[in-house]
Amino acid sequence: QVVLATPLGRVLVRVAGAFEPAAPPAPGTRATVSFDSLEVFTEGGGKRLLSAGWVFALARAVNPALANGADDASWLETTYLSDKVR
């Protein structure tokens, strides 16, 4: 499970999803991430204001080939560069 949270104005936006190592020939430091959760919280993460994971399911249903043209492609690929940049 990968969880990314970032402040956006006066709210905290959190996305999460499953990950796995990317298929070859991708470098060993690359992971394929498929997000399935989108939540918005009050500043500081106290109270959930919105849960909209359906957005990712809708995007995949409308266009399953978002990443690279393959119907079973995951939604986002990221590469690790350093502790500060991913």
C-alpha atoms as a PDB file:
ATOM      1  CA  GLN A   1       0.000   0.000   0.000  1.00  0.00           C
ATOM      2  CA  VAL A   2       1.301   3.441  -0.977  1.00  0.00           C
ATOM      3  CA  VAL A   3      -0.129   6.507   0.758  1.00  0.00           C
ATOM      4  CA  LEU A   4       0.548  10.062  -0.380  1.00  0.00           C
ATOM      5  CA  ALA A   5      -0.783  13.026   1.603  1.00  0.00           C
ATOM      6  CA  THR A   6      -0.225  16.692   0.886  1.00  0.00           C
ATOM      7  CA  PRO A   7      -1.683  19.923   2.230  1.00  0.00           C
ATOM      8  CA  LEU A   8      -3.684  21.874  -0.324  1.00  0.00           C
ATOM      9  CA  GLY A   9      -4.777  25.213   1.035  1.00  0.00           C
ATOM     10  CA  ARG A  10      -6.730  24.566   4.229  1.00  0.00           C
ATOM     11  CA  VAL A  11      -7.281  20.849   3.586  1.00  0.00           C
ATOM     12  CA  LEU A  12      -5.198  17.681   3.444  1.00  0.00           C
ATOM     13  CA  VAL A  13      -5.549  15.546   0.286  1.00  0.00           C
ATOM     14  CA  ARG A  14      -4.684  11.839   0.621  1.00  0.00           C
ATOM     15  CA  VAL A  15      -4.439   9.237  -2.148  1.00  0.00           C
ATOM     16  CA  ALA A  16      -3.588   5.582  -1.647  1.00  0.00           C
ATOM     17  CA  GLY A  17      -3.283   2.417  -3.673  1.00  0.00           C
ATOM     18  CA  ALA A  18      -1.548  -0.863  -4.262  1.00  0.00           C
ATOM     19  CA  PHE A  19       1.919  -1.121  -5.706  1.00  0.00           C
ATOM     20  CA  GLU A  20       4.181  -3.785  -7.161  1.00  0.00           C
ATOM     21  CA  PRO A  21       7.599  -3.830  -8.796  1.00  0.00           C
ATOM     22  CA  ALA A  22       7.391  -2.712 -12.410  1.00  0.00           C
ATOM     23  CA  ALA A  23       7.698  -5.389 -15.059  1.00  0.00           C
ATOM     24  CA  PRO A  24      11.006  -5.702 -16.926  1.00  0.00           C
ATOM     25  CA  PRO A  25      12.704  -3.988 -18.651  1.00  0.00           C
ATOM     26  CA  ALA A  26      12.000  -1.256 -16.052  1.00  0.00           C
ATOM     27  CA  PRO A  27      14.785  -0.670 -13.519  1.00  0.00           C
ATOM     28  CA  GLY A  28      14.498  -2.472 -10.184  1.00  0.00           C
ATOM     29  CA  THR A  29      13.855   0.834  -8.417  1.00  0.00           C
ATOM     30  CA  ARG A  30      10.592   1.447 -10.300  1.00  0.00           C
ATOM     31  CA  ALA A  31       7.176   0.572  -8.885  1.00  0.00           C
ATOM     32  CA  THR A  32       3.809   0.499 -10.616  1.00  0.00           C
ATOM     33  CA  VAL A  33       1.087   2.132  -8.502  1.00  0.00           C
ATOM     34  CA  SER A  34      -2.672   1.768  -8.944  1.00  0.00           C
ATOM     35  CA  PHE A  35      -4.522   4.345  -6.851  1.00  0.00           C
ATOM     36  CA  ASP A  36      -7.961   3.402  -5.493  1.00  0.00           C
ATOM     37  CA  SER A  37      -8.524   5.843  -2.636  1.00  0.00           C
ATOM     38  CA  LEU A  38      -8.957   9.641  -2.647  1.00  0.00           C
ATOM     39  CA  GLU A  39      -9.832  11.445   0.583  1.00  0.00           C
ATOM     40  CA  VAL A  40      -9.931  15.077   1.663  1.00  0.00           C
ATOM     41  CA  PHE A  41      -9.518  15.970   5.353  1.00  0.00           C
ATOM     42  CA  THR A  42      -9.677  19.154   7.378  1.00  0.00           C
ATOM     43  CA  GLU A  43      -6.371  20.887   7.977  1.00  0.00           C
ATOM     44  CA  GLY A  44      -4.235  18.602  10.124  1.00  0.00           C
ATOM     45  CA  GLY A  45      -6.158  15.488   9.040  1.00  0.00           C
ATOM     46  CA  GLY A  46      -8.766  15.659  11.815  1.00  0.00           C
ATOM     47  CA  LYS A  47     -12.101  15.190  10.031  1.00  0.00           C
ATOM     48  CA  ARG A  48     -12.744  13.525   6.670  1.00  0.00           C
ATOM     49  CA  LEU A  49     -14.665  15.850   4.347  1.00  0.00           C
ATOM     50  CA  LEU A  50     -14.769  13.716   1.196  1.00  0.00           C
ATOM     51  CA  SER A  51     -14.119  10.142   0.134  1.00  0.00           C
ATOM     52  CA  ALA A  52     -14.012   9.768  -3.649  1.00  0.00           C
ATOM     53  CA  GLY A  53     -12.041   6.677  -4.587  1.00  0.00           C
ATOM     54  CA  TRP A  54     -14.636   6.073  -7.300  1.00  0.00           C
ATOM     55  CA  VAL A  55     -12.817   8.724  -9.367  1.00  0.00           C
ATOM     56  CA  PHE A  56      -9.972   6.281 -10.064  1.00  0.00           C
ATOM     57  CA  ALA A  57     -12.373   3.431 -10.887  1.00  0.00           C
ATOM     58  CA  LEU A  58     -14.252   5.727 -13.266  1.00  0.00           C
ATOM     59  CA  ALA A  59     -11.048   6.856 -14.976  1.00  0.00           C
ATOM     60  CA  ARG A  60      -9.984   3.225 -15.525  1.00  0.00           C
ATOM     61  CA  ALA A  61     -13.470   2.281 -16.782  1.00  0.00           C
ATOM     62  CA  VAL A  62     -13.561   5.158 -19.267  1.00  0.00           C
ATOM     63  CA  ASN A  63      -9.980   4.691 -20.470  1.00  0.00           C
ATOM     64  CA  PRO A  64      -8.261   1.525 -19.199  1.00  0.00           C
ATOM     65  CA  ALA A  65      -5.148   2.269 -21.244  1.00  0.00           C
ATOM     66  CA  LEU A  66      -4.248   5.523 -19.454  1.00  0.00           C
ATOM     67  CA  ALA A  67      -0.655   4.563 -18.719  1.00  0.00           C
ATOM     68  CA  ASN A  68       0.793   2.929 -21.822  1.00  0.00           C
ATOM     69  CA  GLY A  69      -1.901   1.531 -24.070  1.00  0.00           C
ATOM     70  CA  ALA A  70      -2.322  -1.820 -22.311  1.00  0.00           C
ATOM     71  CA  ASP A  71      -5.802  -2.554 -20.972  1.00  0.00           C
ATOM     72  CA  ASP A  72      -4.382  -3.942 -17.726  1.00  0.00           C
ATOM     73  CA  ALA A  73      -1.854  -1.128 -17.247  1.00  0.00           C
ATOM     74  CA  SER A  74      -1.658   0.466 -13.828  1.00  0.00           C
ATOM     75  CA  TRP A  75      -2.474   4.103 -13.423  1.00  0.00           C
ATOM     76  CA  LEU A  76       0.877   5.637 -12.529  1.00  0.00           C
ATOM     77  CA  GLU A  77       4.546   4.676 -12.629  1.00  0.00           C
ATOM     78  CA  THR A  78       7.088   6.415 -10.430  1.00  0.00           C
ATOM     79  CA  THR A  79      10.844   6.102 -10.158  1.00  0.00           C
ATOM     80  CA  TYR A  80      12.816   6.513  -6.933  1.00  0.00           C
ATOM     81  CA  LEU A  81      15.601   9.072  -7.316  1.00  0.00           C
ATOM     82  CA  SER A  82      16.542   9.937  -3.727  1.00  0.00           C
ATOM     83  CA  ASP A  83      15.017  10.349  -0.262  1.00  0.00           C
ATOM     84  CA  LYS A  84      13.729  13.786  -1.335  1.00  0.00           C
ATOM     85  CA  VAL A  85      12.701  13.107  -4.943  1.00  0.00           C
ATOM     86  CA  ARG A  86      10.558  10.219  -6.120  1.00  0.00           C
END
